[in-house]
Amino acid sequence: MLDDDDLDNFISVKPSEGERVKTEHELIHKAASHPIRRQLVKEIGAFGGRKEELLERTELNEKVFKYHTDFLINGEFLNIREDKYFLSDKGLDLLANIK
């Protein structure tokens, strides 16, 4: 059984470089392999887009849009600035690989 110190040590242990890379590759795969996420990345493109424009162009409902944009934001593929969605450098790399 773990005592409090062991638990704190277990929680604070950072993943190895290999684990980090594996997790990163899985995240990229999840972003690139999902058709809605690919569609969003393509629609946002290099110049970004406002939510209303993206909803209209993709014909997604608000809940589906939010779910997938939240995934892309949490995966650091997407940023929001001044009510506009922009691809991060990581998102631009993804865009270059899904065209």
C-alpha atoms as a PDB file:
ATOM      1  CA  MET A   1       0.000   0.000   0.000  1.00  0.00           C
ATOM      2  CA  LEU A   2       1.243   3.492  -0.842  1.00  0.00           C
ATOM      3  CA  ASP A   3       1.636   6.005   1.941  1.00  0.00           C
ATOM      4  CA  ASP A   4       1.144   9.745   1.363  1.00  0.00           C
ATOM      5  CA  ASP A   5       4.799  10.352   0.402  1.00  0.00           C
ATOM      6  CA  ASP A   6       4.788   7.473  -2.095  1.00  0.00           C
ATOM      7  CA  LEU A   7       1.540   8.743  -3.598  1.00  0.00           C
ATOM      8  CA  ASP A   8       2.939  12.271  -3.962  1.00  0.00           C
ATOM      9  CA  ASN A   9       6.036  10.860  -5.659  1.00  0.00           C
ATOM     10  CA  PHE A  10       3.920   8.693  -7.961  1.00  0.00           C
ATOM     11  CA  ILE A  11       1.725  11.626  -8.983  1.00  0.00           C
ATOM     12  CA  SER A  12       4.674  13.979  -9.551  1.00  0.00           C
ATOM     13  CA  VAL A  13       6.623  11.561 -11.772  1.00  0.00           C
ATOM     14  CA  LYS A  14       6.745  12.884 -15.305  1.00  0.00           C
ATOM     15  CA  PRO A  15       6.456  10.509 -18.240  1.00  0.00           C
ATOM     16  CA  SER A  16       9.643   9.411 -19.950  1.00  0.00           C
ATOM     17  CA  GLU A  17      10.565  10.959 -23.293  1.00  0.00           C
ATOM     18  CA  GLY A  18       9.419   7.775 -25.029  1.00  0.00           C
ATOM     19  CA  GLU A  19       6.031   7.873 -23.282  1.00  0.00           C
ATOM     20  CA  ARG A  20       5.660  11.575 -24.094  1.00  0.00           C
ATOM     21  CA  VAL A  21       6.405  10.962 -27.786  1.00  0.00           C
ATOM     22  CA  LYS A  22       4.004   8.005 -27.906  1.00  0.00           C
ATOM     23  CA  THR A  23       1.233  10.085 -26.308  1.00  0.00           C
ATOM     24  CA  GLU A  24       1.935  12.936 -28.750  1.00  0.00           C
ATOM     25  CA  HIS A  25       1.719  10.573 -31.744  1.00  0.00           C
ATOM     26  CA  GLU A  26      -1.559   9.124 -30.465  1.00  0.00           C
ATOM     27  CA  LEU A  27      -2.975  12.635 -30.096  1.00  0.00           C
ATOM     28  CA  ILE A  28      -1.899  13.585 -33.625  1.00  0.00           C
ATOM     29  CA  HIS A  29      -3.445  10.367 -34.954  1.00  0.00           C
ATOM     30  CA  LYS A  30      -6.743  11.105 -33.169  1.00  0.00           C
ATOM     31  CA  ALA A  31      -6.791  14.614 -34.616  1.00  0.00           C
ATOM     32  CA  ALA A  32      -5.854  13.575 -38.163  1.00  0.00           C
ATOM     33  CA  SER A  33      -7.954  10.433 -38.411  1.00  0.00           C
ATOM     34  CA  HIS A  34     -11.295  11.938 -37.384  1.00  0.00           C
ATOM     35  CA  PRO A  35     -13.198  13.338 -40.397  1.00  0.00           C
ATOM     36  CA  ILE A  36     -14.791  16.231 -38.474  1.00  0.00           C
ATOM     37  CA  ARG A  37     -11.470  17.303 -36.984  1.00  0.00           C
ATOM     38  CA  ARG A  38      -9.818  17.124 -40.413  1.00  0.00           C
ATOM     39  CA  GLN A  39     -12.666  19.198 -41.832  1.00  0.00           C
ATOM     40  CA  LEU A  40     -12.283  21.815 -39.093  1.00  0.00           C
ATOM     41  CA  VAL A  41      -8.518  22.036 -39.524  1.00  0.00           C
ATOM     42  CA  LYS A  42      -8.955  22.492 -43.290  1.00  0.00           C
ATOM     43  CA  GLU A  43     -11.688  25.120 -42.878  1.00  0.00           C
ATOM     44  CA  ILE A  44      -9.711  27.093 -40.300  1.00  0.00           C
ATOM     45  CA  GLY A  45      -6.646  26.898 -42.524  1.00  0.00           C
ATOM     46  CA  ALA A  46      -3.715  29.253 -42.347  1.00  0.00           C
ATOM     47  CA  PHE A  47      -5.852  32.383 -41.890  1.00  0.00           C
ATOM     48  CA  GLY A  48      -8.289  31.278 -39.181  1.00  0.00           C
ATOM     49  CA  GLY A  49     -12.011  31.711 -38.973  1.00  0.00           C
ATOM     50  CA  ARG A  50     -14.808  32.964 -36.765  1.00  0.00           C
ATOM     51  CA  LYS A  51     -17.126  30.493 -35.090  1.00  0.00           C
ATOM     52  CA  GLU A  52     -20.204  31.558 -37.056  1.00  0.00           C
ATOM     53  CA  GLU A  53     -18.362  31.207 -40.374  1.00  0.00           C
ATOM     54  CA  LEU A  54     -16.986  27.806 -39.435  1.00  0.00           C
ATOM     55  CA  LEU A  55     -20.376  26.551 -38.276  1.00  0.00           C
ATOM     56  CA  GLU A  56     -21.932  27.657 -41.559  1.00  0.00           C
ATOM     57  CA  ARG A  57     -19.193  26.191 -43.765  1.00  0.00           C
ATOM     58  CA  THR A  58     -18.971  22.873 -41.917  1.00  0.00           C
ATOM     59  CA  GLU A  59     -22.722  22.531 -41.268  1.00  0.00           C
ATOM     60  CA  LEU A  60     -21.969  21.228 -37.772  1.00  0.00           C
ATOM     61  CA  ASN A  61     -24.257  21.834 -34.827  1.00  0.00           C
ATOM     62  CA  GLU A  62     -22.899  23.802 -31.859  1.00  0.00           C
ATOM     63  CA  LYS A  63     -22.365  20.779 -29.578  1.00  0.00           C
ATOM     64  CA  VAL A  64     -20.390  18.803 -32.161  1.00  0.00           C
ATOM     65  CA  PHE A  65     -18.389  21.919 -33.067  1.00  0.00           C
ATOM     66  CA  LYS A  66     -17.546  22.611 -29.411  1.00  0.00           C
ATOM     67  CA  TYR A  67     -16.582  18.997 -28.696  1.00  0.00           C
ATOM     68  CA  HIS A  68     -14.118  18.830 -31.580  1.00  0.00           C
ATOM     69  CA  THR A  69     -12.712  22.343 -31.215  1.00  0.00           C
ATOM     70  CA  ASP A  70     -12.171  21.668 -27.500  1.00  0.00           C
ATOM     71  CA  PHE A  71     -10.238  18.516 -28.441  1.00  0.00           C
ATOM     72  CA  LEU A  72      -8.101  20.512 -30.880  1.00  0.00           C
ATOM     73  CA  ILE A  73      -7.530  23.285 -28.321  1.00  0.00           C
ATOM     74  CA  ASN A  74      -6.572  20.829 -25.567  1.00  0.00           C
ATOM     75  CA  GLY A  75      -4.232  19.061 -27.994  1.00  0.00           C
ATOM     76  CA  GLU A  76      -2.614  22.432 -28.761  1.00  0.00           C
ATOM     77  CA  PHE A  77      -3.589  22.338 -32.440  1.00  0.00           C
ATOM     78  CA  LEU A  78      -5.922  25.316 -32.170  1.00  0.00           C
ATOM     79  CA  ASN A  79      -6.068  28.691 -30.396  1.00  0.00           C
ATOM     80  CA  ILE A  80      -8.783  31.296 -30.011  1.00  0.00           C
ATOM     81  CA  ARG A  81      -7.850  34.968 -30.223  1.00  0.00           C
ATOM     82  CA  GLU A  82     -10.392  37.770 -30.290  1.00  0.00           C
ATOM     83  CA  ASP A  83     -13.291  35.407 -31.121  1.00  0.00           C
ATOM     84  CA  LYS A  84     -11.381  33.849 -34.010  1.00  0.00           C
ATOM     85  CA  TYR A  85      -9.994  30.325 -34.275  1.00  0.00           C
ATOM     86  CA  PHE A  86      -6.393  29.961 -35.457  1.00  0.00           C
ATOM     87  CA  LEU A  87      -4.231  26.909 -35.976  1.00  0.00           C
ATOM     88  CA  SER A  88      -1.122  26.769 -33.819  1.00  0.00           C
ATOM     89  CA  ASP A  89       2.217  25.757 -35.330  1.00  0.00           C
ATOM     90  CA  LYS A  90       1.288  22.196 -34.425  1.00  0.00           C
ATOM     91  CA  GLY A  91      -2.093  22.681 -36.115  1.00  0.00           C
ATOM     92  CA  LEU A  92      -0.430  24.051 -39.243  1.00  0.00           C
ATOM     93  CA  ASP A  93       1.815  20.957 -39.344  1.00  0.00           C
ATOM     94  CA  LEU A  94      -1.320  18.824 -39.084  1.00  0.00           C
ATOM     95  CA  LEU A  95      -2.946  20.791 -41.905  1.00  0.00           C
ATOM     96  CA  ALA A  96       0.085  20.246 -44.123  1.00  0.00           C
ATOM     97  CA  ASN A  97      -0.170  16.499 -43.564  1.00  0.00           C
ATOM     98  CA  ILE A  98      -3.913  16.023 -44.121  1.00  0.00           C
ATOM     99  CA  LYS A  99      -4.383  17.771 -47.442  1.00  0.00           C
END
